[in-house]
Protein backbone atom coordinates (compact mmCIF):
# COMPACT_ATOMS: atom_id res chain seq x y z
CA UNK A 1 98.95 82.56 116.67
CA UNK A 2 98.47 79.61 119.04
CA UNK A 3 97.42 76.30 117.64
CA UNK A 4 95.65 73.79 119.36
CA UNK A 5 94.22 70.31 118.59
CA UNK A 6 90.54 69.76 118.42
CA UNK A 7 90.82 67.38 121.15
CA UNK A 8 92.63 69.98 123.44
CA UNK A 9 90.16 72.78 122.16
CA UNK A 10 87.22 70.35 123.68
CA UNK A 11 89.00 69.52 127.00
CA UNK A 12 90.17 73.41 127.53
CA UNK A 13 87.56 75.59 125.68
CA UNK A 14 86.73 77.99 128.90
CA UNK A 15 90.45 78.78 128.98
CA UNK A 16 90.64 79.05 125.09
CA UNK A 17 87.94 81.47 125.14
CA UNK A 18 89.47 83.74 127.61
CA UNK A 19 92.83 83.51 125.54
CA UNK A 20 91.11 84.26 122.39
CA UNK A 21 89.77 87.49 123.57
CA UNK A 22 93.58 88.60 123.55
CA UNK A 23 94.97 86.69 120.27
CA UNK A 24 93.27 84.26 117.77
CA UNK A 25 93.65 80.70 118.48
CA UNK A 26 93.61 78.01 115.46
CA UNK A 27 92.27 74.88 115.97
CA UNK A 28 93.84 72.17 114.09
CA UNK A 29 92.44 68.54 112.99
CA UNK A 30 95.46 66.02 112.34
CA UNK A 31 97.94 68.90 111.79
CA UNK A 32 95.54 70.90 109.34
CA UNK A 33 93.63 74.08 110.52
CA UNK A 34 89.94 73.83 110.76
CA UNK A 35 88.74 76.88 112.70
CA UNK A 36 89.92 79.80 114.50
CA UNK A 37 88.60 81.30 117.56
CA UNK A 38 88.58 85.17 117.76
CA UNK A 39 87.09 87.53 120.06
CA UNK A 40 83.62 88.91 119.29
CA UNK A 41 85.33 92.68 118.80
CA UNK A 42 87.85 91.16 116.27
CA UNK A 43 85.11 89.13 114.60
CA UNK A 44 82.91 92.24 114.48
CA UNK A 45 85.81 94.31 113.13
CA UNK A 46 86.53 91.68 110.37
CA UNK A 47 82.80 91.34 109.48
CA UNK A 48 82.34 95.04 109.92
CA UNK A 49 80.62 96.46 106.73
CA UNK A 50 80.90 93.05 105.02
CA UNK A 51 79.04 94.26 101.81
CA UNK A 52 79.36 93.07 98.29
CA UNK A 53 81.89 94.38 95.96
CA UNK A 54 79.64 97.01 94.32
CA UNK A 55 78.76 98.56 97.56
CA UNK A 56 82.55 98.28 98.35
CA UNK A 57 83.40 100.29 95.50
CA UNK A 58 80.79 102.84 96.07
CA UNK A 59 82.23 103.44 99.61
CA UNK A 60 85.68 103.80 98.32
CA UNK A 61 84.60 106.29 95.37
CA UNK A 62 82.80 108.24 98.14
CA UNK A 63 85.91 108.54 100.37
CA UNK A 64 88.63 109.01 97.28
CA UNK A 65 88.68 112.02 94.85
CA UNK A 66 89.10 109.93 91.69
CA UNK A 67 88.92 113.08 89.53
CA UNK A 68 92.17 114.32 91.09
CA UNK A 69 94.41 111.70 89.98
CA UNK A 70 96.51 112.40 86.92
CA UNK A 71 96.55 109.50 84.87
CA UNK A 72 97.70 111.10 81.53
CA UNK A 73 100.58 108.74 80.19
CA UNK A 74 100.55 106.76 83.53
CA UNK A 75 100.54 103.45 81.54
CA UNK A 76 102.71 104.62 78.85
CA UNK A 77 105.01 101.89 77.63
CA UNK A 78 103.53 99.16 79.99
CA UNK A 79 102.52 97.19 76.59
CA UNK A 80 104.83 95.31 74.33
CA UNK A 81 104.15 96.39 70.69
CA UNK A 82 105.57 93.35 69.11
CA UNK A 83 103.11 90.57 68.01
CA UNK A 84 101.99 87.80 70.48
CA UNK A 85 103.42 84.26 70.40
CA UNK A 86 101.41 81.56 68.77
CA UNK A 87 98.54 80.17 70.62
CA UNK A 88 98.08 76.26 70.36
CA UNK A 89 94.55 74.83 71.26
């Protein structure tokens, strides 16, 4: 990802917008990322269907047949049988 300073972004914004149509551009202040310029298409793709977790789970369940999973014994042997250690508060 191309990285530019805030000052450089301010001075070359039109050119950076054209470049952002092809690839994201990170804007930095004092060497730390503060923003990213992305194309509208990329933004819509990232945002597309920005929903809460419950809606995402419902959509996942609608597209995947969880009843077809054979989970019998899938977690066998994953839990240690010895007692846990002492907990200090």
